[in-house]
């Protein structure tokens, strides 16, 4: 599994800073978001970012997009899809195999995520999103790229269930889910249990990791990855069990992002190492238990009565 650094963490810093930090702490790649490139010039900007990453020895794992293809304006939908296609092409040119983002937002109250997105969505919004992602899936497949659909506040796919519903409507292997428990926790009680990821089995292409404390209808992200209300060991190991190829870690809080993101990388690695160690210990204990059954008093008595 790859460990990816989300460039949003260092949104107040230049992109070279992101790559330097990623190299210092041994991250496998960077997710490039629009804070660090101009989407209107995506071809040249992604090429420049990829070249910069090569100089620091850290690749761009993923390029972000922001969609607007669920709204009522057909011209806006068309323009948005065209820009995502340009992003896919720009990624493919640099050997980047994933773009990640969302289809647009429906918003009633920016301070209460629970009343936006899927809470407002009608079937037509899902149909528009599905139509858009089918088009993008076909385009991406021709370029060797996958399209991530992020569980994102305000979108029709702001919960795992909404994302699973949309992917079922899209039904294209190049369109995959990006789970983000931190984005969904305040939106849906069901998204507080890692078992919810089973709804994305076979379609979980990426995973965003952070932590939070609820703040009314919003999330307060001013916590370390190991803190907050999410049991991220459970989320990491569940995502790993479903075969997710990469986990992208981000710090979305205020203040200096360097200490929390450094701790976050160590935390994820420790979680994966702990899972592997516990699996070995469980296997050893089960082997020992089987040996005890084979050599215990009942087994010896049975052997004595066998006539041998």
Protein backbone atom coordinates (compact mmCIF):
# COMPACT_ATOMS: atom_id res chain seq x y z
CA UNK A 1 0.00 0.00 0.00
CA UNK A 2 1.25 3.48 -0.87
CA UNK A 3 1.24 6.32 1.64
CA UNK A 4 0.35 9.63 -0.01
CA UNK A 5 0.61 13.18 1.32
CA UNK A 6 -2.31 15.47 0.48
CA UNK A 7 -1.02 18.83 -0.70
CA UNK A 8 -3.99 20.58 0.94
CA UNK A 9 -2.09 20.04 4.20
CA UNK A 10 0.39 22.71 3.05
CA UNK A 11 -2.10 24.97 1.27
CA UNK A 12 -0.31 28.05 2.64
CA UNK A 13 3.06 26.87 1.29
CA UNK A 14 4.47 26.58 -2.24
CA UNK A 15 4.41 23.22 -3.99
CA UNK A 16 8.17 22.72 -3.70
CA UNK A 17 7.68 22.76 0.07
CA UNK A 18 5.15 19.93 -0.21
CA UNK A 19 7.55 17.75 -2.17
CA UNK A 20 10.45 18.54 0.16
CA UNK A 21 8.42 17.55 3.23
CA UNK A 22 7.18 14.40 1.48
CA UNK A 23 10.75 13.42 0.64
CA UNK A 24 11.98 14.15 4.18
CA UNK A 25 9.37 11.88 5.78
CA UNK A 26 9.41 9.09 3.20
CA UNK A 27 5.97 9.52 1.64
CA UNK A 28 5.37 7.53 -1.54
CA UNK A 29 3.56 10.29 -3.42
CA UNK A 30 1.59 13.52 -3.32
CA UNK A 31 -2.02 14.31 -4.14
CA UNK A 32 -1.99 17.56 -6.08
CA UNK A 33 -4.97 19.83 -5.36
CA UNK A 34 -6.05 23.09 -6.93
CA UNK A 35 -4.40 25.17 -4.20
CA UNK A 36 -1.15 24.23 -5.93
CA UNK A 37 -2.07 24.50 -9.61
CA UNK A 38 -4.29 26.55 -11.89
CA UNK A 39 -7.02 24.27 -13.31
CA UNK A 40 -7.47 26.62 -16.26
CA UNK A 41 -3.90 25.76 -17.29
CA UNK A 42 -4.01 22.17 -16.15
CA UNK A 43 -1.82 20.72 -18.92
CA UNK A 44 1.22 22.89 -18.26
CA UNK A 45 0.64 23.05 -14.50
CA UNK A 46 0.47 19.28 -14.00
CA UNK A 47 3.52 18.81 -16.21
CA UNK A 48 5.44 21.36 -14.14
CA UNK A 49 4.32 19.72 -10.88
CA UNK A 50 5.38 16.27 -12.09
CA UNK A 51 8.78 17.62 -13.12
CA UNK A 52 9.18 19.30 -9.73
CA UNK A 53 8.29 16.07 -7.97
CA UNK A 54 10.91 14.16 -9.95
CA UNK A 55 13.57 16.60 -8.79
CA UNK A 56 12.62 15.90 -5.18
CA UNK A 57 12.25 12.17 -5.76
CA UNK A 58 8.51 12.06 -4.98
CA UNK A 59 5.89 11.40 -7.65
CA UNK A 60 2.43 12.90 -8.09
CA UNK A 61 0.09 10.05 -7.18
CA UNK A 62 -3.15 11.84 -7.94
CA UNK A 63 -4.45 15.08 -9.46
CA UNK A 64 -7.53 16.73 -7.97
CA UNK A 65 -10.54 18.03 -9.85
CA UNK A 66 -13.65 19.91 -8.73
CA UNK A 67 -16.86 19.18 -10.59
CA UNK A 68 -20.00 21.11 -11.36
CA UNK A 69 -22.07 18.59 -13.26
CA UNK A 70 -25.15 18.15 -11.05
CA UNK A 71 -26.54 21.69 -11.30
CA UNK A 72 -29.35 22.99 -13.49
CA UNK A 73 -27.19 24.84 -16.02
CA UNK A 74 -26.34 22.48 -18.92
CA UNK A 75 -23.58 24.79 -20.17
CA UNK A 76 -21.89 24.71 -16.76
CA UNK A 77 -22.15 20.93 -16.67
CA UNK A 78 -20.61 20.61 -20.12
CA UNK A 79 -17.76 22.98 -19.28
CA UNK A 80 -17.06 21.19 -16.01
CA UNK A 81 -16.88 17.78 -17.64
CA UNK A 82 -14.59 19.11 -20.35
CA UNK A 83 -12.21 20.46 -17.71
CA UNK A 84 -12.13 17.11 -15.89
CA UNK A 85 -11.33 15.44 -19.22
CA UNK A 86 -8.45 17.86 -19.68
CA UNK A 87 -7.27 16.96 -16.16
CA UNK A 88 -7.41 13.27 -17.05
CA UNK A 89 -5.39 13.89 -20.21
CA UNK A 90 -2.84 15.98 -18.31
CA UNK A 91 -2.46 13.24 -15.71
CA UNK A 92 -2.08 10.55 -18.36
CA UNK A 93 0.64 12.53 -20.13
CA UNK A 94 2.70 12.38 -16.91
CA UNK A 95 1.98 8.74 -16.12
CA UNK A 96 -0.36 9.66 -13.25
CA UNK A 97 -3.07 7.01 -13.02
CA UNK A 98 -5.64 8.67 -10.75
CA UNK A 99 -7.68 11.86 -10.60
CA UNK A 100 -9.87 12.54 -7.59
CA UNK A 101 -12.69 14.93 -6.77
CA UNK A 102 -16.44 15.35 -6.65
CA UNK A 103 -19.36 16.02 -8.99
CA UNK A 104 -20.52 19.33 -7.52
CA UNK A 105 -22.38 20.52 -4.44
CA UNK A 106 -25.93 21.23 -3.35
CA UNK A 107 -26.00 23.59 -0.41
CA UNK A 108 -28.64 24.98 1.93
CA UNK A 109 -26.52 25.86 4.95
CA UNK A 110 -22.70 25.88 4.76
CA UNK A 111 -22.50 25.55 8.55
CA UNK A 112 -24.57 22.36 8.69
CA UNK A 113 -23.32 19.61 6.39
CA UNK A 114 -26.25 17.39 7.42
CA UNK A 115 -28.78 19.44 5.44
CA UNK A 116 -26.77 19.72 2.22
CA UNK A 117 -25.74 17.30 -0.50
CA UNK A 118 -27.63 14.03 -0.38
CA UNK A 119 -30.19 15.56 1.99
CA UNK A 120 -31.19 17.95 -0.82
CA UNK A 121 -30.57 15.67 -3.79
CA UNK A 122 -33.34 14.49 -6.04
CA UNK A 123 -33.09 11.61 -8.46
CA UNK A 124 -32.23 14.00 -11.28
CA UNK A 125 -29.07 15.05 -9.46
CA UNK A 126 -27.91 11.45 -9.18
CA UNK A 127 -28.76 10.91 -12.84
CA UNK A 128 -26.70 13.93 -13.87
CA UNK A 129 -23.79 12.79 -11.75
CA UNK A 130 -24.01 9.25 -13.12
CA UNK A 131 -24.20 10.49 -16.70
CA UNK A 132 -21.15 12.66 -16.13
CA UNK A 133 -19.13 9.91 -14.51
CA UNK A 134 -20.02 7.41 -17.26
CA UNK A 135 -18.62 9.87 -19.78
CA UNK A 136 -15.52 10.44 -17.66
CA UNK A 137 -15.07 6.71 -17.09
CA UNK A 138 -15.05 6.01 -20.82
CA UNK A 139 -12.62 8.86 -21.42
CA UNK A 140 -10.34 7.88 -18.53
CA UNK A 141 -10.23 4.22 -19.56
CA UNK A 142 -8.90 5.20 -22.98
CA UNK A 143 -6.08 7.09 -21.23
CA UNK A 144 -5.22 4.48 -18.59
CA UNK A 145 -6.53 6.64 -15.74
CA UNK A 146 -9.07 5.99 -12.97
CA UNK A 147 -11.54 8.60 -11.71
CA UNK A 148 -11.98 8.81 -7.95
CA UNK A 149 -15.35 9.88 -6.54
CA UNK A 150 -14.63 11.30 -3.11
CA UNK A 151 -17.06 11.09 -0.21
CA UNK A 152 -17.35 14.85 0.07
CA UNK A 153 -19.61 17.19 2.13
CA UNK A 154 -22.33 18.85 0.07
CA UNK A 155 -22.13 16.41 -2.82
CA UNK A 156 -24.73 13.78 -3.69
CA UNK A 157 -22.02 11.31 -2.65
CA UNK A 158 -21.42 12.77 0.84
CA UNK A 159 -21.87 9.35 2.46
CA UNK A 160 -20.63 5.87 1.63
CA UNK A 161 -24.19 4.79 0.83
CA UNK A 162 -24.65 7.70 -1.58
CA UNK A 163 -21.31 6.94 -3.21
CA UNK A 164 -22.18 3.26 -3.57
CA UNK A 165 -25.53 4.19 -5.11
CA UNK A 166 -23.85 6.50 -7.61
CA UNK A 167 -21.17 3.97 -8.58
CA UNK A 168 -23.83 1.34 -9.15
CA UNK A 169 -25.58 3.76 -11.53
CA UNK A 170 -22.31 4.56 -13.30
CA UNK A 171 -21.21 0.91 -13.52
CA UNK A 172 -17.79 1.56 -15.03
CA UNK A 173 -14.54 -0.03 -13.78
CA UNK A 174 -12.53 3.17 -14.29
CA UNK A 175 -14.73 5.06 -11.82
CA UNK A 176 -13.86 4.19 -8.21
CA UNK A 177 -14.67 5.40 -4.72
CA UNK A 178 -12.46 7.53 -2.50
CA UNK A 179 -13.61 6.96 1.06
CA UNK A 180 -13.13 9.77 3.58
CA UNK A 181 -14.57 8.98 7.02
CA UNK A 182 -13.67 12.44 8.31
CA UNK A 183 -15.88 14.03 5.67
CA UNK A 184 -18.88 11.83 6.39
CA UNK A 185 -18.87 11.45 10.18
CA UNK A 186 -21.18 14.38 10.96
CA UNK A 187 -23.36 13.75 7.90
CA UNK A 188 -24.37 10.17 8.59
CA UNK A 189 -24.31 7.98 11.74
CA UNK A 190 -23.81 4.93 9.50
CA UNK A 191 -20.48 6.40 8.38
CA UNK A 192 -19.05 6.15 11.89
CA UNK A 193 -18.56 2.39 11.59
CA UNK A 194 -15.72 1.06 9.39
CA UNK A 195 -17.97 -1.83 8.35
CA UNK A 196 -19.76 0.66 6.11
CA UNK A 197 -16.84 0.29 3.68
CA UNK A 198 -18.14 -3.16 2.74
CA UNK A 199 -20.61 -1.31 0.50
CA UNK A 200 -17.62 -0.25 -1.60
CA UNK A 201 -15.98 -3.69 -1.82
CA UNK A 202 -14.34 -4.09 -5.21
CA UNK A 203 -14.70 -0.38 -5.94
CA UNK A 204 -12.55 1.23 -3.24
CA UNK A 205 -9.74 2.80 -5.22
CA UNK A 206 -8.39 5.37 -2.75
CA UNK A 207 -8.73 6.43 0.87
CA UNK A 208 -8.43 9.81 2.62
CA UNK A 209 -7.43 9.81 6.26
CA UNK A 210 -7.70 12.52 8.91
CA UNK A 211 -9.54 12.93 12.21
CA UNK A 212 -12.05 15.31 13.70
CA UNK A 213 -14.22 16.40 16.57
CA UNK A 214 -17.87 17.21 15.80
CA UNK A 215 -18.73 20.90 15.92
CA UNK A 216 -22.49 21.09 15.52
CA UNK A 217 -23.20 20.27 11.89
CA UNK A 218 -19.58 20.66 10.85
CA UNK A 219 -16.28 18.96 11.62
CA UNK A 220 -13.46 20.51 13.61
CA UNK A 221 -10.26 19.17 12.06
CA UNK A 222 -7.87 20.68 14.60
CA UNK A 223 -6.79 17.26 15.87
CA UNK A 224 -4.04 14.78 15.11
CA UNK A 225 -4.83 11.72 13.02
CA UNK A 226 -4.58 9.51 16.10
CA UNK A 227 -6.94 11.75 18.10
CA UNK A 228 -10.53 12.83 17.61
CA UNK A 229 -13.60 10.61 17.41
CA UNK A 230 -12.49 8.27 14.61
CA UNK A 231 -10.81 5.00 15.55
CA UNK A 232 -8.43 5.28 12.63
CA UNK A 233 -6.70 1.97 13.37
CA UNK A 234 -10.04 0.33 12.61
CA UNK A 235 -10.52 2.39 9.43
CA UNK A 236 -6.97 1.82 8.16
CA UNK A 237 -7.07 -1.92 8.70
CA UNK A 238 -10.56 -2.21 7.19
CA UNK A 239 -9.48 -0.31 4.07
CA UNK A 240 -6.36 -2.45 3.85
CA UNK A 241 -8.44 -5.63 4.10
CA UNK A 242 -10.48 -4.42 1.12
CA UNK A 243 -7.32 -4.01 -0.93
CA UNK A 244 -7.15 -0.22 -1.17
CA UNK A 245 -3.92 0.59 -3.07
CA UNK A 246 -3.15 3.90 -1.37
CA UNK A 247 -4.01 5.92 1.72
CA UNK A 248 -3.73 9.70 1.45
CA UNK A 249 -3.22 11.56 4.72
CA UNK A 250 -4.17 15.20 5.19
CA UNK A 251 -4.17 17.72 7.98
CA UNK A 252 -7.07 20.15 7.53
CA UNK A 253 -6.73 22.09 10.77
CA UNK A 254 -5.20 25.44 11.62
CA UNK A 255 -1.71 26.31 12.78
CA UNK A 256 1.59 24.67 11.85
CA UNK A 257 0.86 21.53 9.78
CA UNK A 258 4.37 20.06 10.07
CA UNK A 259 4.15 18.32 13.49
CA UNK A 260 0.71 16.75 12.98
CA UNK A 261 1.46 15.48 9.47
CA UNK A 262 4.81 14.01 10.57
CA UNK A 263 3.04 12.21 13.41
CA UNK A 264 0.31 11.09 11.01
CA UNK A 265 2.74 9.31 8.72
CA UNK A 266 4.31 7.44 11.62
CA UNK A 267 0.86 6.62 12.96
CA UNK A 268 -0.35 5.01 9.73
CA UNK A 269 2.83 2.97 9.40
CA UNK A 270 2.52 1.87 13.03
CA UNK A 271 -1.12 0.84 12.46
CA UNK A 272 -0.18 -1.32 9.48
CA UNK A 273 2.77 -2.83 11.36
CA UNK A 274 0.55 -3.55 14.37
CA UNK A 275 -2.02 -5.27 12.16
CA UNK A 276 0.68 -7.50 10.65
CA UNK A 277 2.14 -8.30 14.07
CA UNK A 278 -1.25 -9.16 15.55
CA UNK A 279 -2.02 -11.42 12.58
CA UNK A 280 1.22 -13.33 13.23
CA UNK A 281 0.41 -13.62 16.94
CA UNK A 282 -3.14 -14.84 16.21
CA UNK A 283 -1.78 -17.45 13.81
CA UNK A 284 0.78 -18.63 16.36
CA UNK A 285 -1.86 -18.86 19.09
CA UNK A 286 -4.18 -20.87 16.83
CA UNK A 287 -1.33 -23.23 15.94
CA UNK A 288 -0.57 -23.68 19.63
CA UNK A 289 -4.23 -24.37 20.37
CA UNK A 290 -4.38 -26.99 17.64
CA UNK A 291 -1.27 -28.63 19.09
CA UNK A 292 -2.81 -28.74 22.55
CA UNK A 293 -5.90 -30.47 21.17
CA UNK A 294 -3.75 -33.02 19.38
CA UNK A 295 -1.68 -33.90 22.47
CA UNK A 296 -4.17 -33.36 25.30
CA UNK A 297 -5.64 -36.03 27.60
CA UNK A 298 -8.56 -36.78 25.31
CA UNK A 299 -6.25 -37.33 22.36
CA UNK A 300 -3.99 -39.61 24.42
CA UNK A 301 -6.97 -41.64 25.67
CA UNK A 302 -8.22 -42.10 22.15
CA UNK A 303 -4.78 -43.23 21.05
CA UNK A 304 -4.56 -45.76 23.92
CA UNK A 305 -7.88 -47.32 22.96
CA UNK A 306 -7.03 -47.68 19.33
CA UNK A 307 -5.13 -50.99 19.82
CA UNK A 308 -1.91 -49.57 18.46
